[in-house]
Every structure is written in C-alpha cells, then in structure tokens.
Amino acid sequence: MDPGRYRHTLTTTAGRRVVRGWWDDRTLADGKFVSWVGEYGALPDAHVTLVDEQDGTVLATWPDESEPS
C-alpha cells in the first residue's frame, strides 16, 4: 500500500525523528503542516518538513531555513 505522496517529518533535539505522516492530497498536507507547527512547534529544537515523495521536493520547512537567524 502506498503511504501517500506528501510526507511530513517532525524532528527535535539532535535530529531525532519523532513523528511522520503521509497524505495523498496536497491541500490536506498543507493544512496538516500548519497544524503540526502549532501542535509541536514549542518542543525543543522542533523542525517540521513537508516533502513531495514523488519528486523529492521539499515543499515547506519550519522554522523557515531561508530566514536569517
């Protein structure tokens, strides 16, 4: 069974993967990304990514790595 095209990964301190999830619908995946940031964003060193598994494109990251620190 195909787990879904869009994959979220939540990592925390030292890059430890905590949660992963897959969705087939991009709109739902985008909504889940925002939800995960709200739900898990306060964890120490939390990092959330959304990847298109079909072509390997990183669609979103939080915190935004392109922002200056």
PDB file of N, CA and C in Angstrom:
ATOM      1  N   MET A   1       0.840  -1.184   0.000  1.00  0.00           N
ATOM      2  CA  MET A   1       0.000   0.000   0.000  1.00  0.00           C
ATOM      3  C   MET A   1       0.885   1.248   0.000  1.00  0.00           C
ATOM      4  N   ASP A   2       0.598   2.178  -0.871  1.00  0.00           N
ATOM      5  CA  ASP A   2       1.313   3.442  -0.967  1.00  0.00           C
ATOM      6  C   ASP A   2       0.929   4.324   0.216  1.00  0.00           C
ATOM      7  N   PRO A   3       1.925   4.788   1.009  1.00  0.00           N
ATOM      8  CA  PRO A   3       1.600   5.583   2.197  1.00  0.00           C
ATOM      9  C   PRO A   3       1.096   6.978   1.870  1.00  0.00           C
ATOM     10  N   GLY A   4       1.329   7.498   0.671  1.00  0.00           N
ATOM     11  CA  GLY A   4       0.889   8.830   0.296  1.00  0.00           C
ATOM     12  C   GLY A   4       2.025   9.622  -0.330  1.00  0.00           C
ATOM     13  N   ARG A   5       1.650  10.580  -1.128  1.00  0.00           N
ATOM     14  CA  ARG A   5       2.646  11.361  -1.867  1.00  0.00           C
ATOM     15  C   ARG A   5       3.358  12.388  -0.997  1.00  0.00           C
ATOM     16  N   TYR A   6       2.652  13.004  -0.057  1.00  0.00           N
ATOM     17  CA  TYR A   6       3.205  14.100   0.727  1.00  0.00           C
ATOM     18  C   TYR A   6       3.551  13.622   2.128  1.00  0.00           C
ATOM     19  N   ARG A   7       4.845  13.783   2.493  1.00  0.00           N
ATOM     20  CA  ARG A   7       5.314  13.278   3.784  1.00  0.00           C
ATOM     21  C   ARG A   7       5.724  14.424   4.687  1.00  0.00           C
ATOM     22  N   HIS A   8       5.257  14.368   5.933  1.00  0.00           N
ATOM     23  CA  HIS A   8       5.688  15.289   6.982  1.00  0.00           C
ATOM     24  C   HIS A   8       6.637  14.537   7.897  1.00  0.00           C
ATOM     25  N   THR A   9       7.642  15.238   8.380  1.00  0.00           N
ATOM     26  CA  THR A   9       8.523  14.675   9.387  1.00  0.00           C
ATOM     27  C   THR A   9       8.749  15.729  10.454  1.00  0.00           C
ATOM     28  N   LEU A  10       8.621  15.332  11.705  1.00  0.00           N
ATOM     29  CA  LEU A  10       8.932  16.190  12.843  1.00  0.00           C
ATOM     30  C   LEU A  10      10.181  15.638  13.487  1.00  0.00           C
ATOM     31  N   THR A  11      11.208  16.469  13.603  1.00  0.00           N
ATOM     32  CA  THR A  11      12.403  16.085  14.329  1.00  0.00           C
ATOM     33  C   THR A  11      12.603  17.075  15.469  1.00  0.00           C
ATOM     34  N   THR A  12      13.323  16.632  16.481  1.00  0.00           N
ATOM     35  CA  THR A  12      13.629  17.504  17.614  1.00  0.00           C
ATOM     36  C   THR A  12      15.113  17.412  17.912  1.00  0.00           C
ATOM     37  N   THR A  13      15.497  17.710  19.112  1.00  0.00           N
ATOM     38  CA  THR A  13      16.888  17.765  19.526  1.00  0.00           C
ATOM     39  C   THR A  13      17.720  16.647  18.911  1.00  0.00           C
ATOM     40  N   ALA A  14      18.871  17.006  18.378  1.00  0.00           N
ATOM     41  CA  ALA A  14      19.837  16.072  17.781  1.00  0.00           C
ATOM     42  C   ALA A  14      19.272  15.343  16.559  1.00  0.00           C
ATOM     43  N   GLY A  15      18.259  15.928  15.900  1.00  0.00           N
ATOM     44  CA  GLY A  15      17.714  15.331  14.690  1.00  0.00           C
ATOM     45  C   GLY A  15      16.897  14.075  14.913  1.00  0.00           C
ATOM     46  N   ARG A  16      16.477  13.831  16.136  1.00  0.00           N
ATOM     47  CA  ARG A  16      15.681  12.631  16.452  1.00  0.00           C
ATOM     48  C   ARG A  16      14.304  12.732  15.810  1.00  0.00           C
ATOM     49  N   ARG A  17      13.967  11.783  14.930  1.00  0.00           N
ATOM     50  CA  ARG A  17      12.652  11.770  14.295  1.00  0.00           C
ATOM     51  C   ARG A  17      11.616  11.359  15.331  1.00  0.00           C
ATOM     52  N   VAL A  18      10.589  12.183  15.467  1.00  0.00           N
ATOM     53  CA  VAL A  18       9.575  11.942  16.483  1.00  0.00           C
ATOM     54  C   VAL A  18       8.278  11.452  15.856  1.00  0.00           C
ATOM     55  N   VAL A  19       7.845  12.116  14.785  1.00  0.00           N
ATOM     56  CA  VAL A  19       6.568  11.786  14.154  1.00  0.00           C
ATOM     57  C   VAL A  19       6.733  11.891  12.638  1.00  0.00           C
ATOM     58  N   ARG A  20       6.080  10.994  11.913  1.00  0.00           N
ATOM     59  CA  ARG A  20       5.986  11.097  10.452  1.00  0.00           C
ATOM     60  C   ARG A  20       4.555  10.810  10.050  1.00  0.00           C
ATOM     61  N   GLY A  21       4.147  11.398   8.945  1.00  0.00           N
ATOM     62  CA  GLY A  21       2.817  11.158   8.416  1.00  0.00           C
ATOM     63  C   GLY A  21       2.801  11.378   6.920  1.00  0.00           C
ATOM     64  N   TRP A  22       1.891  10.710   6.219  1.00  0.00           N
ATOM     65  CA  TRP A  22       1.782  10.815   4.770  1.00  0.00           C
ATOM     66  C   TRP A  22       0.342  11.128   4.392  1.00  0.00           C
ATOM     67  N   TRP A  23       0.188  11.964   3.363  1.00  0.00           N
ATOM     68  CA  TRP A  23      -1.134  12.311   2.842  1.00  0.00           C
ATOM     69  C   TRP A  23      -1.080  12.316   1.323  1.00  0.00           C
ATOM     70  N   ASP A  24      -2.188  11.958   0.691  1.00  0.00           N
ATOM     71  CA  ASP A  24      -2.277  11.949  -0.769  1.00  0.00           C
ATOM     72  C   ASP A  24      -2.677  13.309  -1.328  1.00  0.00           C
ATOM     73  N   ASP A  25      -3.429  14.073  -0.576  1.00  0.00           N
ATOM     74  CA  ASP A  25      -3.978  15.347  -1.040  1.00  0.00           C
ATOM     75  C   ASP A  25      -3.086  16.514  -0.599  1.00  0.00           C
ATOM     76  N   ARG A  26      -2.646  17.340  -1.536  1.00  0.00           N
ATOM     77  CA  ARG A  26      -1.742  18.450  -1.216  1.00  0.00           C
ATOM     78  C   ARG A  26      -2.400  19.471  -0.281  1.00  0.00           C
ATOM     79  N   THR A  27      -3.654  19.786  -0.503  1.00  0.00           N
ATOM     80  CA  THR A  27      -4.336  20.756   0.352  1.00  0.00           C
ATOM     81  C   THR A  27      -4.406  20.253   1.784  1.00  0.00           C
ATOM     82  N   LEU A  28      -4.721  18.993   1.954  1.00  0.00           N
ATOM     83  CA  LEU A  28      -4.755  18.397   3.292  1.00  0.00           C
ATOM     84  C   LEU A  28      -3.351  18.387   3.898  1.00  0.00           C
ATOM     85  N   ALA A  29      -2.348  18.044   3.102  1.00  0.00           N
ATOM     86  CA  ALA A  29      -0.969  18.024   3.594  1.00  0.00           C
ATOM     87  C   ALA A  29      -0.529  19.414   4.050  1.00  0.00           C
ATOM     88  N   ASP A  30      -0.878  20.448   3.293  1.00  0.00           N
ATOM     89  CA  ASP A  30      -0.547  21.816   3.690  1.00  0.00           C
ATOM     90  C   ASP A  30      -1.213  22.187   5.010  1.00  0.00           C
ATOM     91  N   GLY A  31      -2.468  21.815   5.165  1.00  0.00           N
ATOM     92  CA  GLY A  31      -3.184  22.080   6.420  1.00  0.00           C
ATOM     93  C   GLY A  31      -2.578  21.341   7.592  1.00  0.00           C
ATOM     94  N   LYS A  32      -2.177  20.098   7.369  1.00  0.00           N
ATOM     95  CA  LYS A  32      -1.538  19.314   8.429  1.00  0.00           C
ATOM     96  C   LYS A  32      -0.190  19.914   8.813  1.00  0.00           C
ATOM     97  N   PHE A  33       0.533  20.452   7.828  1.00  0.00           N
ATOM     98  CA  PHE A  33       1.811  21.093   8.118  1.00  0.00           C
ATOM     99  C   PHE A  33       1.601  22.235   9.114  1.00  0.00           C
ATOM    100  N   VAL A  34       0.647  23.099   8.836  1.00  0.00           N
ATOM    101  CA  VAL A  34       0.347  24.223   9.732  1.00  0.00           C
ATOM    102  C   VAL A  34      -0.076  23.699  11.103  1.00  0.00           C
ATOM    103  N   SER A  35      -0.891  22.660  11.113  1.00  0.00           N
ATOM    104  CA  SER A  35      -1.351  22.062  12.368  1.00  0.00           C
ATOM    105  C   SER A  35      -0.181  21.511  13.181  1.00  0.00           C
ATOM    106  N   TRP A  36       0.738  20.824  12.527  1.00  0.00           N
ATOM    107  CA  TRP A  36       1.901  20.261  13.229  1.00  0.00           C
ATOM    108  C   TRP A  36       2.782  21.349  13.808  1.00  0.00           C
ATOM    109  N   VAL A  37       2.978  22.450  13.071  1.00  0.00           N
ATOM    110  CA  VAL A  37       3.774  23.552  13.602  1.00  0.00           C
ATOM    111  C   VAL A  37       3.116  24.084  14.870  1.00  0.00           C
ATOM    112  N   GLY A  38       1.800  24.250  14.846  1.00  0.00           N
ATOM    113  CA  GLY A  38       1.083  24.717  16.030  1.00  0.00           C
ATOM    114  C   GLY A  38       1.132  23.738  17.185  1.00  0.00           C
ATOM    115  N   GLU A  39       1.028  22.465  16.876  1.00  0.00           N
ATOM    116  CA  GLU A  39       0.986  21.437  17.916  1.00  0.00           C
ATOM    117  C   GLU A  39       2.359  21.108  18.494  1.00  0.00           C
ATOM    118  N   TYR A  40       3.384  21.064  17.636  1.00  0.00           N
ATOM    119  CA  TYR A  40       4.698  20.603  18.069  1.00  0.00           C
ATOM    120  C   TYR A  40       5.771  21.685  18.085  1.00  0.00           C
ATOM    121  N   GLY A  41       5.458  22.874  17.617  1.00  0.00           N
ATOM    122  CA  GLY A  41       6.449  23.931  17.474  1.00  0.00           C
ATOM    123  C   GLY A  41       7.136  24.362  18.752  1.00  0.00           C
ATOM    124  N   ALA A  42       6.522  24.130  19.892  1.00  0.00           N
ATOM    125  CA  ALA A  42       7.125  24.529  21.169  1.00  0.00           C
ATOM    126  C   ALA A  42       8.112  23.499  21.716  1.00  0.00           C
ATOM    127  N   LEU A  43       8.206  22.334  21.080  1.00  0.00           N
ATOM    128  CA  LEU A  43       9.174  21.329  21.534  1.00  0.00           C
ATOM    129  C   LEU A  43      10.593  21.851  21.308  1.00  0.00           C
ATOM    130  N   PRO A  44      11.544  21.472  22.166  1.00  0.00           N
ATOM    131  CA  PRO A  44      12.932  21.939  21.994  1.00  0.00           C
ATOM    132  C   PRO A  44      13.488  21.560  20.618  1.00  0.00           C
ATOM    133  N   ASP A  45      13.984  22.547  19.903  1.00  0.00           N
ATOM    134  CA  ASP A  45      14.605  22.344  18.584  1.00  0.00           C
ATOM    135  C   ASP A  45      13.697  21.642  17.580  1.00  0.00           C
ATOM    136  N   ALA A  46      12.394  21.874  17.673  1.00  0.00           N
ATOM    137  CA  ALA A  46      11.453  21.249  16.740  1.00  0.00           C
ATOM    138  C   ALA A  46      11.712  21.720  15.319  1.00  0.00           C
ATOM    139  N   HIS A  47      11.566  20.806  14.385  1.00  0.00           N
ATOM    140  CA  HIS A  47      11.745  21.097  12.966  1.00  0.00           C
ATOM    141  C   HIS A  47      10.728  20.245  12.209  1.00  0.00           C
ATOM    142  N   VAL A  48       9.888  20.883  11.388  1.00  0.00           N
ATOM    143  CA  VAL A  48       8.864  20.175  10.623  1.00  0.00           C
ATOM    144  C   VAL A  48       9.159  20.362   9.138  1.00  0.00           C
ATOM    145  N   THR A  49       9.091  19.276   8.375  1.00  0.00           N
ATOM    146  CA  THR A  49       9.274  19.361   6.921  1.00  0.00           C
ATOM    147  C   THR A  49       8.097  18.710   6.214  1.00  0.00           C
ATOM    148  N   LEU A  50       7.811  19.218   5.025  1.00  0.00           N
ATOM    149  CA  LEU A  50       6.813  18.639   4.127  1.00  0.00           C
ATOM    150  C   LEU A  50       7.519  18.370   2.805  1.00  0.00           C
ATOM    151  N   VAL A  51       7.518  17.120   2.372  1.00  0.00           N
ATOM    152  CA  VAL A  51       8.242  16.706   1.174  1.00  0.00           C
ATOM    153  C   VAL A  51       7.282  16.033   0.202  1.00  0.00           C
ATOM    154  N   ASP A  52       7.440  16.346  -1.085  1.00  0.00           N
ATOM    155  CA  ASP A  52       6.722  15.641  -2.142  1.00  0.00           C
ATOM    156  C   ASP A  52       7.536  14.388  -2.446  1.00  0.00           C
ATOM    157  N   GLU A  53       7.063  13.251  -2.029  1.00  0.00           N
ATOM    158  CA  GLU A  53       7.781  11.986  -2.198  1.00  0.00           C
ATOM    159  C   GLU A  53       7.903  11.578  -3.663  1.00  0.00           C
ATOM    160  N   GLN A  54       7.038  12.098  -4.522  1.00  0.00           N
ATOM    161  CA  GLN A  54       7.086  11.721  -5.931  1.00  0.00           C
ATOM    162  C   GLN A  54       8.341  12.267  -6.613  1.00  0.00           C
ATOM    163  N   ASP A  55       8.712  13.521  -6.300  1.00  0.00           N
ATOM    164  CA  ASP A  55       9.892  14.090  -6.952  1.00  0.00           C
ATOM    165  C   ASP A  55      10.978  14.540  -5.973  1.00  0.00           C
ATOM    166  N   GLY A  56      10.772  14.331  -4.675  1.00  0.00           N
ATOM    167  CA  GLY A  56      11.776  14.650  -3.671  1.00  0.00           C
ATOM    168  C   GLY A  56      11.879  16.116  -3.293  1.00  0.00           C
ATOM    169  N   THR A  57      10.959  16.938  -3.767  1.00  0.00           N
ATOM    170  CA  THR A  57      10.983  18.365  -3.488  1.00  0.00           C
ATOM    171  C   THR A  57      10.557  18.655  -2.053  1.00  0.00           C
ATOM    172  N   VAL A  58      11.351  19.486  -1.351  1.00  0.00           N
ATOM    173  CA  VAL A  58      10.945  19.967  -0.030  1.00  0.00           C
ATOM    174  C   VAL A  58       9.995  21.125  -0.264  1.00  0.00           C
ATOM    175  N   LEU A  59       8.740  20.963   0.153  1.00  0.00           N
ATOM    176  CA  LEU A  59       7.703  21.957  -0.098  1.00  0.00           C
ATOM    177  C   LEU A  59       7.618  23.008   0.995  1.00  0.00           C
ATOM    178  N   ALA A  60       7.931  22.620   2.227  1.00  0.00           N
ATOM    179  CA  ALA A  60       7.858  23.566   3.340  1.00  0.00           C
ATOM    180  C   ALA A  60       8.739  23.069   4.472  1.00  0.00           C
ATOM    181  N   THR A  61       9.312  24.018   5.203  1.00  0.00           N
ATOM    182  CA  THR A  61      10.056  23.700   6.414  1.00  0.00           C
ATOM    183  C   THR A  61       9.693  24.716   7.482  1.00  0.00           C
ATOM    184  N   TRP A  62       9.745  24.286   8.707  1.00  0.00           N
ATOM    185  CA  TRP A  62       9.563  25.179   9.847  1.00  0.00           C
ATOM    186  C   TRP A  62      10.557  24.774  10.919  1.00  0.00           C
ATOM    187  N   PRO A  63      11.318  25.667  11.474  1.00  0.00           N
ATOM    188  CA  PRO A  63      11.330  27.067  11.080  1.00  0.00           C
ATOM    189  C   PRO A  63      11.886  27.221   9.673  1.00  0.00           C
ATOM    190  N   ASP A  64      11.550  28.325   9.028  1.00  0.00           N
ATOM    191  CA  ASP A  64      11.951  28.590   7.661  1.00  0.00           C
ATOM    192  C   ASP A  64      13.464  28.752   7.605  1.00  0.00           C
ATOM    193  N   GLU A  65      14.137  27.821   6.945  1.00  0.00           N
ATOM    194  CA  GLU A  65      15.604  27.833   6.907  1.00  0.00           C
ATOM    195  C   GLU A  65      16.165  28.958   6.036  1.00  0.00           C
ATOM    196  N   SER A  66      15.322  29.581   5.203  1.00  0.00           N
ATOM    197  CA  SER A  66      15.811  30.665   4.363  1.00  0.00           C
ATOM    198  C   SER A  66      15.836  31.992   5.118  1.00  0.00           C
ATOM    199  N   GLU A  67      15.178  32.036   6.290  1.00  0.00           N
ATOM    200  CA  GLU A  67      15.154  33.251   7.105  1.00  0.00           C
ATOM    201  C   GLU A  67      16.486  33.412   7.814  1.00  0.00           C
ATOM    202  N   PRO A  68      17.010  34.637   7.866  1.00  0.00           N
ATOM    203  CA  PRO A  68      18.249  34.849   8.624  1.00  0.00           C
ATOM    204  C   PRO A  68      18.014  34.598  10.105  1.00  0.00           C
ATOM    205  N   SER A  69      19.034  34.078  10.790  1.00  0.00           N
ATOM    206  CA  SER A  69      18.864  33.787  12.221  1.00  0.00           C
ATOM    207  C   SER A  69      19.261  34.939  13.084  1.00  0.00           C
TER     208      SER A  69
END
